[in-house]
Amino acid sequence: MRSGGSKTCVVMACADKGEAEAVSKQLLQLNNGYLVTYRRAEDLVHNQPTGKVALVILSVWDDPAHLGRIIRWLKHRWPTCPVTVVGDEGGGQDEMAARMGGALYLTRPVFPTQWTDLLEHVLQPARARAIPNNKDADLV
C-alpha cells in the first residue's frame, strides 16, 4: 500500500459502498487527503494503513461490545486520532459504546454537509483551527 506522500488518510470501515463514495466525494473536493476503505473493522486491525491517519470512521453493523473493543484498540493504536461511528439510530447501545469509547456518533443518513464539516475539522492545519486573539478583550 502506498503511503500517500505528505497527505494524510481517512480510514473508513464500511459495508455500504454508497457511504464510502459520499466520503470520498467530499474528501476529493477538499483535496487534502485520501480515503482508505475496509469492509470490516477487523480488516483494519489486521491490515493497517501506512500513512498518517487523520480520522477513522466506523460505519459497520457490529455488536456493541465488539464495537467498544475496536474503538479501544484504535485509541491505543492512534491515540490522537478522532474516531467517528455511524449508526442507524441514536440513543441505542451502539451510540453508548461509541461515546463511552470517546468517539463521535452520527446517525444515518449522514448528509454531505456533515461529512464536509467533519473532514474539514480534522484535516485543516491546527493553526487554522486556533481561536484568533481578540485584541478588544485587553480593553476590559
C-alpha atoms as a PDB file:
ATOM      1  CA  MET A   1       0.000   0.000   0.000  1.00  0.00           C
ATOM      2  CA  ARG A   2       1.293   3.447  -0.849  1.00  0.00           C
ATOM      3  CA  SER A   3       1.982   5.987   1.858  1.00  0.00           C
ATOM      4  CA  GLY A   4       0.247   8.900   0.131  1.00  0.00           C
ATOM      5  CA  GLY A   5       3.230  11.223   0.391  1.00  0.00           C
ATOM      6  CA  SER A   6       2.620  14.173   2.688  1.00  0.00           C
ATOM      7  CA  LYS A   7      -1.160  13.808   2.632  1.00  0.00           C
ATOM      8  CA  THR A   8      -2.999  12.204   5.474  1.00  0.00           C
ATOM      9  CA  CYS A   9      -5.551   9.473   5.126  1.00  0.00           C
ATOM     10  CA  VAL A  10      -9.060   8.988   6.354  1.00  0.00           C
ATOM     11  CA  VAL A  11      -9.757   5.363   7.202  1.00  0.00           C
ATOM     12  CA  MET A  12     -13.284   4.045   6.795  1.00  0.00           C
ATOM     13  CA  ALA A  13     -14.609   0.616   7.657  1.00  0.00           C
ATOM     14  CA  CYS A  14     -17.973   0.328   5.973  1.00  0.00           C
ATOM     15  CA  ALA A  15     -20.221  -2.232   4.375  1.00  0.00           C
ATOM     16  CA  ASP A  16     -22.209   0.342   2.373  1.00  0.00           C
ATOM     17  CA  LYS A  17     -20.420   1.373  -0.816  1.00  0.00           C
ATOM     18  CA  GLY A  18     -22.618   4.479  -1.044  1.00  0.00           C
ATOM     19  CA  GLU A  19     -21.339   5.835   2.270  1.00  0.00           C
ATOM     20  CA  ALA A  20     -17.741   5.331   1.211  1.00  0.00           C
ATOM     21  CA  GLU A  21     -18.443   7.118  -2.071  1.00  0.00           C
ATOM     22  CA  ALA A  22     -20.032  10.044  -0.202  1.00  0.00           C
ATOM     23  CA  VAL A  23     -16.952  10.452   1.999  1.00  0.00           C
ATOM     24  CA  SER A  24     -14.644  10.049  -0.986  1.00  0.00           C
ATOM     25  CA  LYS A  25     -16.512  12.750  -2.918  1.00  0.00           C
ATOM     26  CA  GLN A  26     -16.230  15.241  -0.040  1.00  0.00           C
ATOM     27  CA  LEU A  27     -12.575  14.365   0.503  1.00  0.00           C
ATOM     28  CA  LEU A  28     -11.865  14.896  -3.177  1.00  0.00           C
ATOM     29  CA  GLN A  29     -13.404  18.378  -3.004  1.00  0.00           C
ATOM     30  CA  LEU A  30     -11.162  19.262  -0.067  1.00  0.00           C
ATOM     31  CA  ASN A  31      -8.100  17.896  -1.915  1.00  0.00           C
ATOM     32  CA  ASN A  32      -6.306  17.328   1.369  1.00  0.00           C
ATOM     33  CA  GLY A  33      -6.048  13.593   1.896  1.00  0.00           C
ATOM     34  CA  TYR A  34      -7.069  10.199   0.629  1.00  0.00           C
ATOM     35  CA  LEU A  35      -9.555   7.542   1.696  1.00  0.00           C
ATOM     36  CA  VAL A  36      -8.600   4.005   2.693  1.00  0.00           C
ATOM     37  CA  THR A  37     -11.617   1.704   2.953  1.00  0.00           C
ATOM     38  CA  TYR A  38     -12.195  -1.648   4.606  1.00  0.00           C
ATOM     39  CA  ARG A  39     -15.303  -3.830   4.556  1.00  0.00           C
ATOM     40  CA  ARG A  40     -14.982  -4.797   8.223  1.00  0.00           C
ATOM     41  CA  ALA A  41     -13.345  -3.196  11.251  1.00  0.00           C
ATOM     42  CA  GLU A  42     -11.313  -6.387  11.803  1.00  0.00           C
ATOM     43  CA  ASP A  43      -9.708  -5.903   8.393  1.00  0.00           C
ATOM     44  CA  LEU A  44      -8.351  -2.571   9.613  1.00  0.00           C
ATOM     45  CA  VAL A  45      -6.844  -4.246  12.676  1.00  0.00           C
ATOM     46  CA  HIS A  46      -5.083  -6.884  10.550  1.00  0.00           C
ATOM     47  CA  ASN A  47      -4.036  -4.620   7.648  1.00  0.00           C
ATOM     48  CA  GLN A  48      -3.252  -1.137   8.948  1.00  0.00           C
ATOM     49  CA  PRO A  49      -2.631   1.787   6.586  1.00  0.00           C
ATOM     50  CA  THR A  50       0.920   3.064   6.294  1.00  0.00           C
ATOM     51  CA  GLY A  51       0.223   6.798   6.053  1.00  0.00           C
ATOM     52  CA  LYS A  52      -0.678   9.326   8.723  1.00  0.00           C
ATOM     53  CA  VAL A  53      -4.258   8.647   9.843  1.00  0.00           C
ATOM     54  CA  ALA A  54      -6.316  11.794  10.462  1.00  0.00           C
ATOM     55  CA  LEU A  55      -9.714  10.176  11.106  1.00  0.00           C
ATOM     56  CA  VAL A  56     -11.252   6.729  11.473  1.00  0.00           C
ATOM     57  CA  ILE A  57     -14.883   6.229  10.501  1.00  0.00           C
ATOM     58  CA  LEU A  58     -16.629   3.032  11.585  1.00  0.00           C
ATOM     59  CA  SER A  59     -19.804   2.557   9.602  1.00  0.00           C
ATOM     60  CA  VAL A  60     -20.327  -1.148  10.162  1.00  0.00           C
ATOM     61  CA  TRP A  61     -23.032  -3.213  11.787  1.00  0.00           C
ATOM     62  CA  ASP A  62     -21.235  -4.718  14.765  1.00  0.00           C
ATOM     63  CA  ASP A  63     -22.199  -5.936  18.191  1.00  0.00           C
ATOM     64  CA  PRO A  64     -21.847  -3.002  20.668  1.00  0.00           C
ATOM     65  CA  ALA A  65     -19.335  -4.967  22.787  1.00  0.00           C
ATOM     66  CA  HIS A  66     -17.222  -5.672  19.710  1.00  0.00           C
ATOM     67  CA  LEU A  67     -17.520  -2.023  18.645  1.00  0.00           C
ATOM     68  CA  GLY A  68     -16.228  -0.965  22.064  1.00  0.00           C
ATOM     69  CA  ARG A  69     -13.194  -3.273  21.745  1.00  0.00           C
ATOM     70  CA  ILE A  70     -12.396  -1.929  18.273  1.00  0.00           C
ATOM     71  CA  ILE A  71     -12.607   1.677  19.499  1.00  0.00           C
ATOM     72  CA  ARG A  72     -10.294   0.895  22.431  1.00  0.00           C
ATOM     73  CA  TRP A  73      -7.805  -0.703  20.021  1.00  0.00           C
ATOM     74  CA  LEU A  74      -7.997   2.337  17.704  1.00  0.00           C
ATOM     75  CA  LYS A  75      -7.412   4.720  20.628  1.00  0.00           C
ATOM     76  CA  HIS A  76      -4.393   2.641  21.651  1.00  0.00           C
ATOM     77  CA  ARG A  77      -3.003   2.465  18.082  1.00  0.00           C
ATOM     78  CA  TRP A  78      -3.637   6.135  17.173  1.00  0.00           C
ATOM     79  CA  PRO A  79      -4.176   7.987  20.487  1.00  0.00           C
ATOM     80  CA  THR A  80      -4.694  11.437  18.963  1.00  0.00           C
ATOM     81  CA  CYS A  81      -6.828  10.311  16.043  1.00  0.00           C
ATOM     82  CA  PRO A  82     -10.553  11.036  16.266  1.00  0.00           C
ATOM     83  CA  VAL A  83     -12.970   8.155  15.730  1.00  0.00           C
ATOM     84  CA  THR A  84     -16.486   8.545  14.330  1.00  0.00           C
ATOM     85  CA  VAL A  85     -19.145   5.845  14.452  1.00  0.00           C
ATOM     86  CA  VAL A  86     -22.124   5.887  12.096  1.00  0.00           C
ATOM     87  CA  GLY A  87     -25.268   4.088  13.211  1.00  0.00           C
ATOM     88  CA  ASP A  88     -28.911   3.699  12.285  1.00  0.00           C
ATOM     89  CA  GLU A  89     -30.422   5.332  15.343  1.00  0.00           C
ATOM     90  CA  GLY A  90     -29.404   7.460  18.281  1.00  0.00           C
ATOM     91  CA  GLY A  91     -29.780   6.538  21.911  1.00  0.00           C
ATOM     92  CA  GLY A  92     -29.055   2.841  21.446  1.00  0.00           C
ATOM     93  CA  GLN A  93     -26.255   0.593  22.602  1.00  0.00           C
ATOM     94  CA  ASP A  94     -24.117   1.418  19.553  1.00  0.00           C
ATOM     95  CA  GLU A  95     -24.168   5.095  20.450  1.00  0.00           C
ATOM     96  CA  MET A  96     -23.420   4.290  24.080  1.00  0.00           C
ATOM     97  CA  ALA A  97     -20.430   2.122  23.088  1.00  0.00           C
ATOM     98  CA  ALA A  98     -19.168   4.842  20.753  1.00  0.00           C
ATOM     99  CA  ARG A  99     -19.459   7.661  23.275  1.00  0.00           C
ATOM    100  CA  MET A 100     -18.016   5.600  26.139  1.00  0.00           C
ATOM    101  CA  GLY A 101     -15.012   4.939  23.885  1.00  0.00           C
ATOM    102  CA  GLY A 102     -14.608   8.650  23.167  1.00  0.00           C
ATOM    103  CA  ALA A 103     -15.955   8.524  19.620  1.00  0.00           C
ATOM    104  CA  LEU A 104     -18.290  10.893  17.828  1.00  0.00           C
ATOM    105  CA  TYR A 105     -21.612   9.303  16.853  1.00  0.00           C
ATOM    106  CA  LEU A 106     -23.572  10.184  13.715  1.00  0.00           C
ATOM    107  CA  THR A 107     -26.919   8.747  12.648  1.00  0.00           C
ATOM    108  CA  ARG A 108     -27.850   7.759   9.123  1.00  0.00           C
ATOM    109  CA  PRO A 109     -28.384   9.323   6.742  1.00  0.00           C
ATOM    110  CA  VAL A 110     -25.244  11.433   7.055  1.00  0.00           C
ATOM    111  CA  PHE A 111     -25.642  14.445   4.787  1.00  0.00           C
ATOM    112  CA  PRO A 112     -22.827  15.723   2.538  1.00  0.00           C
ATOM    113  CA  THR A 113     -22.508  18.899   4.621  1.00  0.00           C
ATOM    114  CA  GLN A 114     -21.948  16.788   7.749  1.00  0.00           C
ATOM    115  CA  TRP A 115     -19.171  14.818   6.030  1.00  0.00           C
ATOM    116  CA  THR A 116     -17.617  18.069   4.793  1.00  0.00           C
ATOM    117  CA  ASP A 117     -17.712  19.663   8.253  1.00  0.00           C
ATOM    118  CA  LEU A 118     -16.163  16.586   9.860  1.00  0.00           C
ATOM    119  CA  LEU A 119     -13.428  16.269   7.246  1.00  0.00           C
ATOM    120  CA  GLU A 120     -12.597  19.975   7.268  1.00  0.00           C
ATOM    121  CA  HIS A 121     -12.292  19.904  11.042  1.00  0.00           C
ATOM    122  CA  VAL A 122      -9.790  17.044  11.144  1.00  0.00           C
ATOM    123  CA  LEU A 123      -7.825  17.874   8.003  1.00  0.00           C
ATOM    124  CA  GLN A 124      -7.215  21.596   8.323  1.00  0.00           C
ATOM    125  CA  PRO A 125      -3.936  22.602   9.960  1.00  0.00           C
ATOM    126  CA  ALA A 126      -4.062  23.052  13.723  1.00  0.00           C
ATOM    127  CA  ARG A 127      -3.062  26.697  13.484  1.00  0.00           C
ATOM    128  CA  ALA A 128      -6.078  27.400  11.263  1.00  0.00           C
ATOM    129  CA  ARG A 129      -8.351  25.922  13.961  1.00  0.00           C
ATOM    130  CA  ALA A 130      -6.863  28.116  16.686  1.00  0.00           C
ATOM    131  CA  ILE A 131      -9.124  30.844  18.002  1.00  0.00           C
ATOM    132  CA  PRO A 132      -7.798  34.226  16.887  1.00  0.00           C
ATOM    133  CA  ASN A 133      -6.529  36.524  19.602  1.00  0.00           C
ATOM    134  CA  ASN A 134      -9.250  39.031  20.484  1.00  0.00           C
ATOM    135  CA  LYS A 135      -7.439  42.343  20.941  1.00  0.00           C
ATOM    136  CA  ASP A 136     -10.596  44.030  22.265  1.00  0.00           C
ATOM    137  CA  ALA A 137     -10.503  41.726  25.286  1.00  0.00           C
ATOM    138  CA  ASP A 138      -7.463  43.664  26.578  1.00  0.00           C
ATOM    139  CA  LEU A 139      -9.566  46.821  26.809  1.00  0.00           C
ATOM    140  CA  VAL A 140     -11.810  45.499  29.595  1.00  0.00           C
END
